[in-house]
Amino acid sequence: MKVLVIGGGPGGIQSTKTLKAHNPEIDVTVIRPEPYSVIYCALPYVVEDLVDRQKVRKSDNLITETGATLVKDKAVNVDFENKVVKTELSGNYNYDKLIISTGATPFIPPIDGGELKNVVSVKTESDLDQILECVEKGAEKAVVVGAGNIGIEMSVALKHKGIETYLVEMQDRVVPNMLSKELSKLPEKEIVELGINLKLNVAVDELTGKERVEKVKLSNNESITLAENDMVIMCVGVKPNVEIFKNSPLEIDNDGIKVNEYMETNIEDVYAVGDCTSYISYIDKKPLGGKLATNAVPMAKICAYRILGKNYSYPGFINGAITKCVNWRMGGTGFSEEMARQRGFDIMTAVGETTTRFPMIPGATKVYVKLIAEKNTLRILGAEVVAGESVPQFIDVISFAIQKNSTAYDLFQFSYCAQPFQTFFPASNAIVQAAEKLLNS
């Protein structure tokens, strides 16, 4: 059997590893357009000099050591009827099964000046090169558009490099898809105290200049003047990388290639995984974006096992995600408070507050856990967490609770551990505390 994988990111790597681990005889070829696959969420740490740029490159051995073939080339056309993929440089590749894992590309808003030279996104090594070049040539100002995960981390990195940094967000808070206004105030305060110029409820109206951006015009009538080596960094989201399939019989919507629970597309023997796909929420089974590596990996496993003859299925996105500011760490899972309401749920919320260690232990910080529950059933729909450390342990527990359709009563009964350097006193746990408040509200 010949399996062809288009894309060498998390989905492409994982599907290859799973296939070859369980059947080494399968002939797997991975077509990847980039010289290197990079850990793009770590790119701000390279800018900040916390991580060497070589460390964010994924080794080609992740693919080749499985016995698969890696082709560094760009797929430009797929003939689904004859099962042939044409590439830019090396020709045609036949397949029995095709896995599409083309990922997503940064979205550049349709504003005047978006095509100018010093407008850059944060996704690839070439993006990193452009940012580092500006920094090394003495950039004085940077305008980061979008205060999501990458936008905040890139703003902090640039500020630590001594660059006057503006963070522009059109919504009324930072990480708006993760946190409600109540909890977002914590990282916002830290961002402002660091010296970043935070602009909330403000959009970029226009970028003006000849070859590069010389002025950024904002919706509040402010303008930011940029010098030769300054930059505008777009962190406003991504769109599925599906351009080569636009005139094909493959079913595609605004969020990507439509797949079922087995990662099968509408075309026989063609699968899709990761950021290029359109799928559903685990919670309400309605369409939902889920462009996270932590979704791509299980989707790739399900796809590979389907090809191997097992009927494992993917139940939908829960979208547990985490990020950091300076000292605060933030996370969210399931539906945020705002999203739950937008999707038609009558909800109630409660916040548990403890510390991450026994309060007398050095390094103890506050932890806030907000639970979002359906009002009539008390089913847990989501959570928001802000703490100085240990955010993943809260997010992962609540993600699993959502997977098991747990209620506030179930989390009230949650059995937890305690130790001075790693948790709050045995007397309380932020998750249990929030759940108990839901029961009694």
Protein backbone atom coordinates (compact mmCIF):
# COMPACT_ATOMS: atom_id res chain seq x y z
CA MET A 1 0.00 0.00 0.00
CA LYS A 2 1.26 3.47 -0.93
CA VAL A 3 0.27 6.27 1.44
CA LEU A 4 1.09 9.82 0.40
CA VAL A 5 1.05 12.59 3.01
CA ILE A 6 0.91 16.23 1.94
CA GLY A 7 2.32 18.32 4.79
CA GLY A 8 5.06 17.80 7.35
CA GLY A 9 3.60 19.48 10.44
CA PRO A 10 2.17 17.76 13.55
CA GLY A 11 -0.57 15.96 11.60
CA GLY A 12 1.72 14.72 8.85
CA ILE A 13 4.41 13.59 11.27
CA GLN A 14 2.01 11.79 13.60
CA SER A 15 0.07 9.98 10.88
CA THR A 16 3.37 8.77 9.42
CA LYS A 17 4.72 7.59 12.77
CA THR A 18 1.51 5.72 13.61
CA LEU A 19 1.28 4.01 10.23
CA LYS A 20 4.91 2.87 10.21
CA ALA A 21 4.87 1.81 13.87
CA HIS A 22 2.02 -0.62 13.27
CA ASN A 23 2.86 -1.70 9.73
CA PRO A 24 6.46 -1.05 8.64
CA GLU A 25 5.67 -2.50 5.21
CA ILE A 26 3.41 0.40 4.26
CA ASP A 27 5.14 2.69 1.76
CA VAL A 28 4.75 6.21 3.18
CA THR A 29 5.98 9.35 1.44
CA VAL A 30 5.68 12.79 3.02
CA ILE A 31 5.73 15.88 0.79
CA ARG A 32 6.69 19.00 2.74
CA PRO A 33 7.22 22.42 1.09
CA GLU A 34 9.33 23.97 3.86
CA PRO A 35 13.07 23.28 4.31
CA TYR A 36 12.29 22.72 7.99
CA SER A 37 9.15 22.16 9.99
CA VAL A 38 9.24 24.55 12.94
CA ILE A 39 7.56 24.78 16.33
CA TYR A 40 5.92 28.08 15.51
CA CYS A 41 4.45 28.71 18.98
CA ALA A 42 8.07 28.92 20.22
CA LEU A 43 9.15 31.58 17.69
CA PRO A 44 8.65 34.47 20.18
CA TYR A 45 11.19 32.80 22.47
CA VAL A 46 13.78 32.94 19.70
CA VAL A 47 13.11 36.65 19.28
CA GLU A 48 13.50 37.09 23.05
CA ASP A 49 16.80 35.13 23.00
CA LEU A 50 15.41 32.47 25.33
CA VAL A 51 15.78 29.70 22.75
CA ASP A 52 18.31 29.14 19.97
CA ARG A 53 16.64 29.16 16.57
CA GLN A 54 18.01 25.70 15.76
CA LYS A 55 15.99 24.32 18.67
CA VAL A 56 12.64 25.27 17.11
CA ARG A 57 13.37 23.22 14.00
CA LYS A 58 11.84 19.77 14.07
CA SER A 59 14.29 17.10 13.00
CA ASP A 60 13.65 15.43 9.65
CA ASN A 61 14.44 12.22 11.54
CA LEU A 62 10.94 12.34 13.01
CA ILE A 63 9.83 11.20 9.55
CA THR A 64 12.81 9.43 8.06
CA GLU A 65 13.69 7.29 11.08
CA THR A 66 10.30 5.57 10.70
CA GLY A 67 11.36 4.33 7.27
CA ALA A 68 9.17 6.84 5.46
CA THR A 69 10.43 8.97 2.57
CA LEU A 70 10.60 12.75 2.98
CA VAL A 71 10.32 14.87 -0.16
CA LYS A 72 11.05 18.58 0.26
CA ASP A 73 8.84 19.94 -2.46
CA LYS A 74 5.52 21.71 -2.89
CA ALA A 75 2.37 19.89 -4.01
CA VAL A 76 0.70 21.97 -6.71
CA ASN A 77 -2.10 19.74 -7.98
CA VAL A 78 -4.00 16.59 -7.04
CA ASP A 79 -5.69 14.37 -9.60
CA PHE A 80 -8.12 12.54 -7.33
CA GLU A 81 -9.54 10.38 -10.11
CA ASN A 82 -6.16 8.93 -11.09
CA LYS A 83 -4.66 9.21 -7.59
CA VAL A 84 -1.70 11.35 -8.56
CA VAL A 85 -0.12 14.32 -6.79
CA LYS A 86 1.96 16.69 -8.90
CA THR A 87 4.75 18.68 -7.24
CA GLU A 88 6.56 21.85 -8.24
CA LEU A 89 10.01 20.31 -8.72
CA SER A 90 10.13 16.54 -8.64
CA GLY A 91 7.17 15.41 -10.68
CA ASN A 92 4.27 13.05 -9.99
CA TYR A 93 3.57 10.77 -7.04
CA ASN A 94 0.99 7.99 -7.14
CA TYR A 95 -0.94 6.92 -4.05
CA ASP A 96 -3.41 4.34 -2.80
CA LYS A 97 -4.36 6.48 0.20
CA LEU A 98 -3.86 10.24 0.50
CA ILE A 99 -3.57 12.16 3.79
CA ILE A 100 -3.91 15.92 3.48
CA SER A 101 -2.20 17.76 6.32
CA THR A 102 -1.44 21.10 4.72
CA GLY A 103 -2.07 23.09 7.89
CA ALA A 104 -3.06 26.72 7.99
CA THR A 105 -1.54 30.03 6.97
CA PRO A 106 -1.70 33.32 8.87
CA PHE A 107 -4.64 35.53 8.03
CA ILE A 108 -3.74 39.05 6.91
CA PRO A 109 -6.79 41.34 7.27
CA PRO A 110 -8.01 42.93 4.02
CA ILE A 111 -6.80 46.42 4.89
CA ASP A 112 -5.00 48.93 2.70
CA GLY A 113 -1.25 48.43 2.95
CA GLY A 114 -1.34 44.82 4.10
CA GLU A 115 0.99 43.87 1.25
CA LEU A 116 3.79 46.26 2.23
CA LYS A 117 7.28 44.90 2.99
CA ASN A 118 7.47 45.21 6.76
CA VAL A 119 4.14 43.49 7.43
CA VAL A 120 4.92 40.04 8.77
CA SER A 121 3.09 37.13 10.40
CA VAL A 122 4.31 34.53 12.90
CA LYS A 123 4.21 31.03 11.45
CA THR A 124 7.27 30.00 9.46
CA GLU A 125 11.03 30.26 9.65
CA SER A 126 10.95 32.90 6.90
CA ASP A 127 8.63 34.97 9.13
CA LEU A 128 11.15 34.58 11.93
CA ASP A 129 13.97 35.67 9.59
CA GLN A 130 12.09 38.84 8.70
CA ILE A 131 11.41 39.73 12.35
CA LEU A 132 15.00 39.03 13.42
CA GLU A 133 16.34 41.08 10.53
CA CYS A 134 14.31 44.08 11.68
CA VAL A 135 15.49 43.59 15.27
CA GLU A 136 19.14 43.23 14.26
CA LYS A 137 18.98 46.34 12.06
CA GLY A 138 17.82 48.40 15.01
CA ALA A 139 14.02 48.38 14.97
CA GLU A 140 12.67 51.04 17.34
CA LYS A 141 8.95 50.30 17.13
CA ALA A 142 6.71 47.31 16.50
CA VAL A 143 2.95 47.19 16.15
CA VAL A 144 1.51 43.78 16.99
CA VAL A 145 -2.04 43.34 15.74
CA GLY A 146 -4.09 40.82 17.73
CA ALA A 147 -3.79 40.11 21.46
CA GLY A 148 -4.26 36.36 21.27
CA ASN A 149 -1.73 33.78 22.41
CA ILE A 150 1.00 34.54 19.87
CA GLY A 151 0.31 38.28 19.87
CA ILE A 152 0.87 38.61 23.61
CA GLU A 153 4.00 36.44 23.64
CA MET A 154 5.52 38.26 20.67
CA SER A 155 4.77 41.65 22.25
CA VAL A 156 6.51 40.62 25.45
CA ALA A 157 9.50 39.32 23.48
CA LEU A 158 9.86 42.54 21.49
CA LYS A 159 9.55 44.70 24.60
CA HIS A 160 12.27 42.66 26.29
CA LYS A 161 14.46 43.47 23.26
CA GLY A 162 14.04 47.18 24.03
CA ILE A 163 11.60 47.87 21.21
CA GLU A 164 8.71 50.28 21.75
CA THR A 165 5.79 47.91 21.32
CA TYR A 166 2.12 48.51 20.57
CA LEU A 167 -0.41 45.70 21.04
CA VAL A 168 -3.64 46.42 19.20
CA GLU A 169 -6.78 44.35 19.86
CA MET A 170 -10.20 45.13 18.40
CA GLN A 171 -12.07 43.38 21.24
CA ASP A 172 -12.38 44.67 24.80
CA ARG A 173 -9.78 42.36 26.35
CA VAL A 174 -6.67 40.31 25.68
CA VAL A 175 -6.91 36.60 24.74
CA PRO A 176 -10.64 37.16 24.05
CA ASN A 177 -11.22 33.60 22.86
CA MET A 178 -9.80 32.23 26.10
CA LEU A 179 -10.68 34.59 28.95
CA SER A 180 -13.66 36.67 30.02
CA LYS A 181 -13.23 40.33 30.92
CA GLU A 182 -13.06 39.42 34.61
CA LEU A 183 -9.92 37.29 34.38
CA SER A 184 -8.28 39.04 31.42
CA LYS A 185 -7.62 42.07 33.65
CA LEU A 186 -4.78 40.16 35.31
CA PRO A 187 -2.55 39.73 32.22
CA GLU A 188 -3.65 43.14 30.93
CA LYS A 189 -2.26 44.82 34.04
CA GLU A 190 1.01 42.96 33.59
CA ILE A 191 1.24 43.94 29.91
CA VAL A 192 0.78 47.62 30.73
CA GLU A 193 3.23 47.48 33.65
CA LEU A 194 5.87 46.03 31.32
CA GLY A 195 5.56 49.15 29.20
CA ILE A 196 3.67 47.77 26.23
CA ASN A 197 1.20 50.22 24.71
CA LEU A 198 -2.01 48.21 24.92
CA LYS A 199 -4.85 49.40 22.69
CA LEU A 200 -8.17 47.63 23.36
CA ASN A 201 -11.40 48.16 21.39
CA VAL A 202 -9.18 49.47 18.61
CA ALA A 203 -8.72 48.18 15.05
CA VAL A 204 -6.10 48.93 12.41
CA ASP A 205 -7.86 50.91 9.69
CA GLU A 206 -5.01 51.44 7.24
CA LEU A 207 -1.30 50.94 6.68
CA THR A 208 0.28 53.68 4.59
CA GLY A 209 3.66 53.97 2.91
CA LYS A 210 5.43 53.44 -0.41
CA GLU A 211 7.33 50.15 -0.19
CA ARG A 212 7.07 49.63 3.56
CA VAL A 213 4.62 50.73 6.26
CA GLU A 214 5.41 54.27 7.36
CA LYS A 215 2.25 54.92 9.33
CA VAL A 216 -0.34 52.74 11.09
CA LYS A 217 -3.76 54.40 11.28
CA LEU A 218 -6.02 53.15 14.08
CA SER A 219 -9.80 53.28 14.43
CA ASN A 220 -9.53 55.64 17.43
CA ASN A 221 -7.95 58.27 15.13
CA GLU A 222 -4.45 57.66 16.48
CA SER A 223 -1.54 57.10 14.13
CA ILE A 224 1.76 55.33 14.82
CA THR A 225 4.72 56.46 12.72
CA LEU A 226 7.25 53.77 11.81
CA ALA A 227 10.89 54.11 10.75
CA GLU A 228 12.79 52.05 8.18
CA ASN A 229 13.43 48.93 10.29
CA ASP A 230 10.19 48.98 12.28
CA MET A 231 7.51 46.38 11.67
CA VAL A 232 3.84 45.43 11.83
CA ILE A 233 3.26 41.88 13.04
CA MET A 234 -0.11 40.31 12.26
CA CYS A 235 -1.38 37.83 14.86
CA VAL A 236 -5.07 37.80 14.03
CA GLY A 237 -5.56 34.11 13.34
CA VAL A 238 -5.08 31.59 10.58
CA LYS A 239 -6.96 30.23 7.60
CA PRO A 240 -6.84 26.68 6.21
CA ASN A 241 -4.17 26.09 3.59
CA VAL A 242 -6.41 24.55 0.92
CA GLU A 243 -5.80 26.74 -2.13
CA ILE A 244 -4.66 23.87 -4.36
CA PHE A 245 -7.99 22.10 -3.79
CA LYS A 246 -10.31 25.06 -4.51
CA ASN A 247 -11.41 23.84 -7.95
CA SER A 248 -11.48 20.16 -7.03
CA PRO A 249 -14.39 17.90 -5.99
CA LEU A 250 -13.12 17.99 -2.40
CA GLU A 251 -15.78 19.43 -0.06
CA ILE A 252 -14.42 22.56 1.60
CA ASP A 253 -16.03 25.28 3.72
CA ASN A 254 -14.60 28.44 5.29
CA ASP A 255 -12.88 26.47 8.03
CA GLY A 256 -11.28 23.85 5.78
CA ILE A 257 -11.76 20.39 4.32
CA LYS A 258 -14.85 18.66 5.64
CA VAL A 259 -14.13 15.37 7.39
CA ASN A 260 -16.13 12.78 9.31
CA GLU A 261 -15.24 11.14 12.62
CA TYR A 262 -12.70 8.89 10.85
CA MET A 263 -10.99 11.85 9.14
CA GLU A 264 -12.41 10.71 5.79
CA THR A 265 -13.29 13.33 3.20
CA ASN A 266 -16.06 13.06 0.62
CA ILE A 267 -13.56 11.41 -1.78
CA GLU A 268 -12.76 7.74 -1.30
CA ASP A 269 -9.24 7.00 0.00
CA VAL A 270 -8.63 10.68 0.77
CA TYR A 271 -8.25 11.81 4.38
CA ALA A 272 -7.51 15.16 6.01
CA VAL A 273 -6.20 16.05 9.46
CA GLY A 274 -5.20 19.07 11.49
CA ASP A 275 -5.50 22.78 10.76
CA CYS A 276 -6.65 22.31 7.15
CA THR A 277 -9.86 20.57 8.25
CA SER A 278 -13.37 21.62 9.18
CA TYR A 279 -14.86 19.65 12.06
CA ILE A 280 -17.17 19.90 15.07
CA SER A 281 -17.21 20.71 18.76
CA TYR A 282 -17.25 17.80 21.17
CA ILE A 283 -19.72 19.69 23.35
CA ASP A 284 -22.60 20.55 21.01
CA LYS A 285 -21.56 18.66 17.85
CA LYS A 286 -21.80 21.83 15.77
CA PRO A 287 -19.02 23.19 13.52
CA LEU A 288 -16.16 24.74 15.45
CA GLY A 289 -12.63 25.90 14.71
CA GLY A 290 -9.92 23.80 16.28
CA LYS A 291 -6.60 24.84 14.78
CA LEU A 292 -4.28 23.49 17.46
CA ALA A 293 -1.41 21.01 17.27
CA THR A 294 -3.04 19.19 20.18
CA ASN A 295 -6.02 18.53 17.91
CA ALA A 296 -3.93 17.67 14.85
CA VAL A 297 -2.08 14.88 16.67
CA PRO A 298 -5.13 12.82 17.77
CA MET A 299 -6.81 13.43 14.42
CA ALA A 300 -3.71 12.05 12.70
CA LYS A 301 -3.76 8.96 14.91
CA ILE A 302 -7.45 8.33 14.14
CA CYS A 303 -6.73 8.72 10.43
CA ALA A 304 -3.78 6.32 10.53
CA TYR A 305 -5.69 3.72 12.50
CA ARG A 306 -8.57 3.95 10.03
CA ILE A 307 -6.16 3.17 7.19
CA LEU A 308 -4.82 0.30 9.30
CA GLY A 309 -8.35 -1.11 9.59
CA LYS A 310 -9.38 0.05 13.08
CA ASN A 311 -12.60 1.99 13.57
CA TYR A 312 -11.44 4.47 16.18
CA SER A 313 -13.25 7.81 15.90
CA TYR A 314 -12.60 11.42 16.82
CA PRO A 315 -15.44 12.88 18.90
CA GLY A 316 -14.78 16.58 18.35
CA PHE A 317 -12.77 19.56 19.52
CA ILE A 318 -12.52 20.56 23.17
CA ASN A 319 -9.74 23.02 22.43
CA GLY A 320 -7.77 23.09 25.64
CA ALA A 321 -5.08 25.73 25.18
CA ILE A 322 -2.56 27.65 27.28
CA THR A 323 -0.30 30.66 26.92
CA LYS A 324 1.78 33.02 29.04
CA CYS A 325 2.33 36.70 29.59
CA VAL A 326 5.23 37.76 31.86
CA ASN A 327 4.49 36.03 35.15
CA TRP A 328 0.87 35.10 34.59
CA ARG A 329 0.03 31.89 32.73
CA MET A 330 -3.43 31.63 31.16
CA GLY A 331 -5.52 28.79 29.83
CA GLY A 332 -8.95 27.91 28.57
CA THR A 333 -10.84 24.80 27.55
CA GLY A 334 -14.24 23.99 26.13
CA PHE A 335 -16.45 27.02 25.60
CA SER A 336 -15.52 30.36 27.08
CA GLU A 337 -18.27 32.27 28.83
CA GLU A 338 -18.89 34.39 25.75
CA MET A 339 -18.82 31.48 23.31
CA ALA A 340 -21.20 29.38 25.40
CA ARG A 341 -23.77 32.17 25.25
CA GLN A 342 -23.21 32.70 21.52
CA ARG A 343 -23.90 29.01 20.91
CA GLY A 344 -27.23 29.21 22.71
CA PHE A 345 -26.46 27.92 26.20
CA ASP A 346 -28.06 29.35 29.33
CA ILE A 347 -25.05 29.33 31.63
CA MET A 348 -23.81 30.02 35.11
CA THR A 349 -20.24 30.62 36.21
CA ALA A 350 -18.21 30.51 39.41
CA VAL A 351 -14.58 31.24 40.28
CA GLY A 352 -12.38 29.24 42.64
CA GLU A 353 -9.35 31.04 44.08
CA THR A 354 -6.41 29.47 45.90
CA THR A 355 -2.63 29.54 45.54
CA THR A 356 -0.41 27.24 43.49
CA ARG A 357 1.54 26.15 46.58
CA PHE A 358 0.95 26.31 50.32
CA PRO A 359 0.85 30.10 50.91
CA MET A 360 3.95 30.11 53.15
CA ILE A 361 6.08 28.36 50.50
CA PRO A 362 8.37 30.58 48.39
CA GLY A 363 7.07 31.03 44.87
CA ALA A 364 3.39 30.57 45.73
CA THR A 365 1.14 32.55 43.36
CA LYS A 366 -2.57 33.04 43.02
CA VAL A 367 -4.64 30.67 40.91
CA TYR A 368 -8.09 31.53 39.58
CA VAL A 369 -10.33 28.87 38.02
CA LYS A 370 -13.61 29.89 36.41
CA LEU A 371 -16.01 27.09 35.55
CA ILE A 372 -18.73 27.58 32.94
CA ALA A 373 -21.74 25.26 33.34
CA GLU A 374 -25.07 24.74 31.64
CA LYS A 375 -27.67 26.16 34.01
CA ASN A 376 -30.34 23.47 33.97
CA THR A 377 -28.04 20.43 33.98
CA LEU A 378 -24.87 21.82 35.62
CA ARG A 379 -22.89 20.11 32.84
CA ILE A 380 -19.42 21.61 32.56
CA LEU A 381 -19.06 23.47 29.26
CA GLY A 382 -15.71 25.12 29.77
CA ALA A 383 -13.18 26.76 32.03
CA GLU A 384 -10.80 29.69 32.23
CA VAL A 385 -7.63 29.60 34.34
CA VAL A 386 -5.10 32.26 35.31
CA ALA A 387 -2.20 31.43 37.61
CA GLY A 388 1.51 31.95 38.10
CA GLU A 389 2.19 28.27 37.42
CA SER A 390 0.50 24.87 37.07
CA VAL A 391 -2.15 26.01 34.57
CA PRO A 392 -1.90 22.83 32.43
CA GLN A 393 -2.88 20.58 35.35
CA PHE A 394 -6.15 22.49 35.77
CA ILE A 395 -6.90 22.74 32.05
CA ASP A 396 -6.24 19.05 31.39
CA VAL A 397 -8.39 17.89 34.33
CA ILE A 398 -11.31 20.04 33.21
CA SER A 399 -10.87 19.01 29.57
CA PHE A 400 -11.21 15.40 30.67
CA ALA A 401 -14.25 16.32 32.74
CA ILE A 402 -15.83 17.82 29.61
CA GLN A 403 -14.97 14.65 27.65
CA LYS A 404 -16.84 12.64 30.27
CA ASN A 405 -19.84 15.03 30.26
CA SER A 406 -19.18 15.77 33.92
CA THR A 407 -21.33 18.11 35.98
CA ALA A 408 -20.52 20.57 38.74
CA TYR A 409 -21.54 17.87 41.19
CA ASP A 410 -18.94 15.51 39.70
CA LEU A 411 -16.21 18.14 40.09
CA PHE A 412 -17.42 18.92 43.61
CA GLN A 413 -16.55 15.28 44.34
CA PHE A 414 -13.20 15.48 42.52
CA SER A 415 -10.50 13.65 44.48
CA TYR A 416 -7.27 15.63 44.56
CA CYS A 417 -3.82 15.48 46.16
CA ALA A 418 -1.85 18.04 48.17
CA GLN A 419 1.82 18.81 48.83
CA PRO A 420 3.36 22.08 50.11
CA PHE A 421 5.50 22.88 47.05
CA GLN A 422 2.95 21.82 44.42
CA THR A 423 -0.60 22.59 45.56
CA PHE A 424 -2.75 24.60 47.93
CA PHE A 425 -3.58 23.28 51.41
CA PRO A 426 -5.57 20.01 51.53
CA ALA A 427 -8.49 22.11 52.74
CA SER A 428 -9.37 23.31 49.26
CA ASN A 429 -8.82 22.99 45.53
CA ALA A 430 -9.74 25.75 43.06
CA ILE A 431 -11.71 23.39 40.81
CA VAL A 432 -13.70 21.91 43.70
CA GLN A 433 -14.24 25.36 45.16
CA ALA A 434 -15.72 26.69 41.90
CA ALA A 435 -17.87 23.58 41.49
CA GLU A 436 -19.25 23.93 45.01
CA LYS A 437 -20.17 27.56 44.32
CA LEU A 438 -22.08 26.43 41.21
CA LEU A 439 -24.02 23.90 43.28
CA ASN A 440 -24.99 26.50 45.84
CA SER A 441 -25.76 29.42 43.53
